[in-house]
Amino acid sequence: MRPIKKGELSSEEAKARGSLGGKARAESIKKKKKLRELCEVFGELSVYSDKAKDMMKQMGISEEDMTNKMAAVIGVFKKAAAGDVQAFNAIRDIIGEKPKDEVESKVATSVTVNYVKSGAKFANSEDEVNDERE
């Protein structure tokens, strides 16, 4: 589909297309919210794997903390301990130790004014000023 250039659409058509875009965006936000809510609910459920429960018991994790979220955290920590840099970075970010992204900007803070010698002389009185507006 070719891009639309300014002035090719009537204002009514532009409004209609804008409205469709807004509705699609709202639907996308709704779907993402629903997915986030489902992940939160699933994360709070008790872990379903007996193998995972046994491992958590060995680690000293209480029965009430044996959730899918805990299983995910343990999985990420195991990967990080095995040398997975992305897993390490995920843990670092989650616990709030992510380094700040800094952008360096340099702005000129001084101004240089250069004078050009023109040979013009300053007037000593109003009589010496040639007012060409009259």
C-alpha atoms as a PDB file:
ATOM      1  CA  MET A   1       0.000   0.000   0.000  1.00  0.00           C
ATOM      2  CA  ARG A   2       1.476   3.338  -0.989  1.00  0.00           C
ATOM      3  CA  PRO A   3       1.801   6.134   1.571  1.00  0.00           C
ATOM      4  CA  ILE A   4      -0.857   8.819   1.519  1.00  0.00           C
ATOM      5  CA  LYS A   5       0.380  12.322   0.860  1.00  0.00           C
ATOM      6  CA  LYS A   6      -0.948  15.396   2.568  1.00  0.00           C
ATOM      7  CA  GLY A   7      -4.089  16.672   0.861  1.00  0.00           C
ATOM      8  CA  GLU A   8      -4.998  13.376  -0.858  1.00  0.00           C
ATOM      9  CA  LEU A   9      -7.797  12.565   1.605  1.00  0.00           C
ATOM     10  CA  SER A  10     -10.875  14.581   2.371  1.00  0.00           C
ATOM     11  CA  SER A  11     -11.193  15.656   5.990  1.00  0.00           C
ATOM     12  CA  GLU A  12     -14.075  13.194   6.484  1.00  0.00           C
ATOM     13  CA  GLU A  13     -12.022  10.299   5.115  1.00  0.00           C
ATOM     14  CA  ALA A  14      -9.017  11.301   7.230  1.00  0.00           C
ATOM     15  CA  LYS A  15     -11.233  11.389  10.336  1.00  0.00           C
ATOM     16  CA  ALA A  16     -12.707   7.986   9.493  1.00  0.00           C
ATOM     17  CA  ARG A  17      -9.267   6.430   9.027  1.00  0.00           C
ATOM     18  CA  GLY A  18      -8.002   8.072  12.196  1.00  0.00           C
ATOM     19  CA  SER A  19     -10.975   6.684  14.083  1.00  0.00           C
ATOM     20  CA  LEU A  20     -10.266   3.166  12.771  1.00  0.00           C
ATOM     21  CA  GLY A  21      -6.644   3.489  13.840  1.00  0.00           C
ATOM     22  CA  GLY A  22      -7.698   4.645  17.301  1.00  0.00           C
ATOM     23  CA  LYS A  23     -10.085   1.719  17.677  1.00  0.00           C
ATOM     24  CA  ALA A  24      -7.406  -0.762  16.585  1.00  0.00           C
ATOM     25  CA  ARG A  25      -4.969   0.748  19.090  1.00  0.00           C
ATOM     26  CA  ALA A  26      -7.536   0.492  21.899  1.00  0.00           C
ATOM     27  CA  GLU A  27      -8.157  -3.169  21.025  1.00  0.00           C
ATOM     28  CA  SER A  28      -4.420  -3.867  21.060  1.00  0.00           C
ATOM     29  CA  ILE A  29      -4.068  -2.253  24.496  1.00  0.00           C
ATOM     30  CA  LYS A  30      -7.020  -4.322  25.760  1.00  0.00           C
ATOM     31  CA  LYS A  31      -5.414  -7.569  24.552  1.00  0.00           C
ATOM     32  CA  LYS A  32      -2.074  -6.723  26.155  1.00  0.00           C
ATOM     33  CA  LYS A  33      -3.798  -5.865  29.435  1.00  0.00           C
ATOM     34  CA  LYS A  34      -5.687  -9.183  29.368  1.00  0.00           C
ATOM     35  CA  LEU A  35      -2.467 -11.111  28.703  1.00  0.00           C
ATOM     36  CA  ARG A  36      -0.716  -9.289  31.573  1.00  0.00           C
ATOM     37  CA  GLU A  37      -3.623 -10.108  33.907  1.00  0.00           C
ATOM     38  CA  LEU A  38      -3.570 -13.788  32.867  1.00  0.00           C
ATOM     39  CA  CYS A  39       0.173 -13.977  33.509  1.00  0.00           C
ATOM     40  CA  GLU A  40      -0.326 -12.464  36.965  1.00  0.00           C
ATOM     41  CA  VAL A  41      -3.090 -14.961  37.817  1.00  0.00           C
ATOM     42  CA  PHE A  42      -1.115 -17.936  36.487  1.00  0.00           C
ATOM     43  CA  GLY A  43       1.993 -16.781  38.340  1.00  0.00           C
ATOM     44  CA  GLU A  44       0.148 -16.843  41.665  1.00  0.00           C
ATOM     45  CA  LEU A  45      -1.128 -20.414  41.176  1.00  0.00           C
ATOM     46  CA  SER A  46       0.599 -23.247  43.033  1.00  0.00           C
ATOM     47  CA  VAL A  47       3.358 -24.872  41.036  1.00  0.00           C
ATOM     48  CA  TYR A  48       1.974 -27.963  39.288  1.00  0.00           C
ATOM     49  CA  SER A  49       5.148 -30.000  38.842  1.00  0.00           C
ATOM     50  CA  ASP A  50       6.070 -32.468  41.593  1.00  0.00           C
ATOM     51  CA  LYS A  51       9.692 -32.231  40.489  1.00  0.00           C
ATOM     52  CA  ALA A  52       9.609 -28.457  40.942  1.00  0.00           C
ATOM     53  CA  LYS A  53       7.911 -28.810  44.340  1.00  0.00           C
ATOM     54  CA  ASP A  54      10.591 -31.253  45.515  1.00  0.00           C
ATOM     55  CA  MET A  55      13.351 -28.926  44.358  1.00  0.00           C
ATOM     56  CA  MET A  56      11.714 -25.975  46.141  1.00  0.00           C
ATOM     57  CA  LYS A  57      11.397 -28.036  49.347  1.00  0.00           C
ATOM     58  CA  GLN A  58      15.121 -28.810  49.152  1.00  0.00           C
ATOM     59  CA  MET A  59      15.792 -25.084  48.764  1.00  0.00           C
ATOM     60  CA  GLY A  60      13.767 -24.330  51.904  1.00  0.00           C
ATOM     61  CA  ILE A  61      10.892 -22.575  50.189  1.00  0.00           C
ATOM     62  CA  SER A  62       7.612 -22.678  52.130  1.00  0.00           C
ATOM     63  CA  GLU A  63       4.523 -24.403  50.691  1.00  0.00           C
ATOM     64  CA  GLU A  64       2.676 -21.088  50.287  1.00  0.00           C
ATOM     65  CA  ASP A  65       5.558 -19.613  48.247  1.00  0.00           C
ATOM     66  CA  MET A  66       5.670 -22.571  45.840  1.00  0.00           C
ATOM     67  CA  THR A  67       4.038 -20.692  42.960  1.00  0.00           C
ATOM     68  CA  ASN A  68       4.631 -20.546  39.237  1.00  0.00           C
ATOM     69  CA  LYS A  69       6.303 -17.157  39.764  1.00  0.00           C
ATOM     70  CA  MET A  70       8.770 -18.769  42.159  1.00  0.00           C
ATOM     71  CA  ALA A  71       9.429 -21.539  39.639  1.00  0.00           C
ATOM     72  CA  ALA A  72      10.128 -18.898  36.976  1.00  0.00           C
ATOM     73  CA  VAL A  73      12.483 -17.017  39.320  1.00  0.00           C
ATOM     74  CA  ILE A  74      14.353 -20.227  40.147  1.00  0.00           C
ATOM     75  CA  GLY A  75      14.622 -21.030  36.438  1.00  0.00           C
ATOM     76  CA  VAL A  76      16.091 -17.610  35.659  1.00  0.00           C
ATOM     77  CA  PHE A  77      18.559 -17.877  38.560  1.00  0.00           C
ATOM     78  CA  LYS A  78      19.655 -21.341  37.395  1.00  0.00           C
ATOM     79  CA  LYS A  79      20.303 -19.988  33.896  1.00  0.00           C
ATOM     80  CA  ALA A  80      22.228 -17.004  35.286  1.00  0.00           C
ATOM     81  CA  ALA A  81      24.325 -19.302  37.477  1.00  0.00           C
ATOM     82  CA  ALA A  82      25.124 -21.383  34.377  1.00  0.00           C
ATOM     83  CA  GLY A  83      26.499 -18.266  32.653  1.00  0.00           C
ATOM     84  CA  ASP A  84      23.494 -16.986  30.694  1.00  0.00           C
ATOM     85  CA  VAL A  85      24.164 -13.237  30.439  1.00  0.00           C
ATOM     86  CA  GLN A  86      20.590 -12.390  29.444  1.00  0.00           C
ATOM     87  CA  ALA A  87      19.273 -14.175  32.538  1.00  0.00           C
ATOM     88  CA  PHE A  88      21.775 -12.284  34.692  1.00  0.00           C
ATOM     89  CA  ASN A  89      20.689  -8.977  33.123  1.00  0.00           C
ATOM     90  CA  ALA A  90      17.022  -9.847  33.702  1.00  0.00           C
ATOM     91  CA  ILE A  91      17.686 -10.468  37.399  1.00  0.00           C
ATOM     92  CA  ARG A  92      19.708  -7.274  37.680  1.00  0.00           C
ATOM     93  CA  ASP A  93      16.908  -5.276  36.055  1.00  0.00           C
ATOM     94  CA  ILE A  94      14.191  -6.846  38.225  1.00  0.00           C
ATOM     95  CA  ILE A  95      15.981  -6.077  41.489  1.00  0.00           C
ATOM     96  CA  GLY A  96      16.504  -2.473  40.429  1.00  0.00           C
ATOM     97  CA  GLU A  97      20.208  -2.446  39.690  1.00  0.00           C
ATOM     98  CA  LYS A  98      19.900  -1.674  36.001  1.00  0.00           C
ATOM     99  CA  PRO A  99      22.469   0.924  34.988  1.00  0.00           C
ATOM    100  CA  LYS A 100      21.010   4.211  33.833  1.00  0.00           C
ATOM    101  CA  ASP A 101      21.072   4.928  30.149  1.00  0.00           C
ATOM    102  CA  GLU A 102      22.770   8.285  29.918  1.00  0.00           C
ATOM    103  CA  VAL A 103      22.796  10.485  26.882  1.00  0.00           C
ATOM    104  CA  GLU A 104      25.583  12.983  26.662  1.00  0.00           C
ATOM    105  CA  SER A 105      24.717  16.282  25.121  1.00  0.00           C
ATOM    106  CA  LYS A 106      26.948  19.240  24.673  1.00  0.00           C
ATOM    107  CA  VAL A 107      25.477  22.687  24.259  1.00  0.00           C
ATOM    108  CA  ALA A 108      27.506  25.785  23.592  1.00  0.00           C
ATOM    109  CA  THR A 109      27.416  27.935  26.692  1.00  0.00           C
ATOM    110  CA  SER A 110      29.431  30.863  25.466  1.00  0.00           C
ATOM    111  CA  VAL A 111      28.948  33.352  22.662  1.00  0.00           C
ATOM    112  CA  THR A 112      31.727  35.136  20.828  1.00  0.00           C
ATOM    113  CA  VAL A 113      31.040  38.527  19.292  1.00  0.00           C
ATOM    114  CA  ASN A 114      33.402  39.740  16.622  1.00  0.00           C
ATOM    115  CA  TYR A 115      33.511  43.393  15.590  1.00  0.00           C
ATOM    116  CA  VAL A 116      34.315  44.485  12.095  1.00  0.00           C
ATOM    117  CA  LYS A 117      36.063  47.808  11.633  1.00  0.00           C
ATOM    118  CA  SER A 118      33.928  49.822   9.247  1.00  0.00           C
ATOM    119  CA  GLY A 119      35.294  53.336   9.456  1.00  0.00           C
ATOM    120  CA  ALA A 120      31.937  54.657  10.673  1.00  0.00           C
ATOM    121  CA  LYS A 121      32.034  57.274  13.405  1.00  0.00           C
ATOM    122  CA  PHE A 122      29.643  57.711  16.319  1.00  0.00           C
ATOM    123  CA  ALA A 123      27.525  60.847  16.308  1.00  0.00           C
ATOM    124  CA  ASN A 124      28.191  63.411  19.036  1.00  0.00           C
ATOM    125  CA  SER A 125      24.734  64.976  18.830  1.00  0.00           C
ATOM    126  CA  GLU A 126      21.364  64.564  17.135  1.00  0.00           C
ATOM    127  CA  ASP A 127      22.355  67.162  14.561  1.00  0.00           C
ATOM    128  CA  GLU A 128      25.051  64.821  13.189  1.00  0.00           C
ATOM    129  CA  VAL A 129      22.521  61.963  12.622  1.00  0.00           C
ATOM    130  CA  ASN A 130      21.174  61.661   9.091  1.00  0.00           C
ATOM    131  CA  ASP A 131      17.547  60.523   9.493  1.00  0.00           C
ATOM    132  CA  GLU A 132      16.416  59.234   6.107  1.00  0.00           C
ATOM    133  CA  ARG A 133      12.834  58.489   7.230  1.00  0.00           C
ATOM    134  CA  GLU A 134      11.667  62.036   6.658  1.00  0.00           C
END
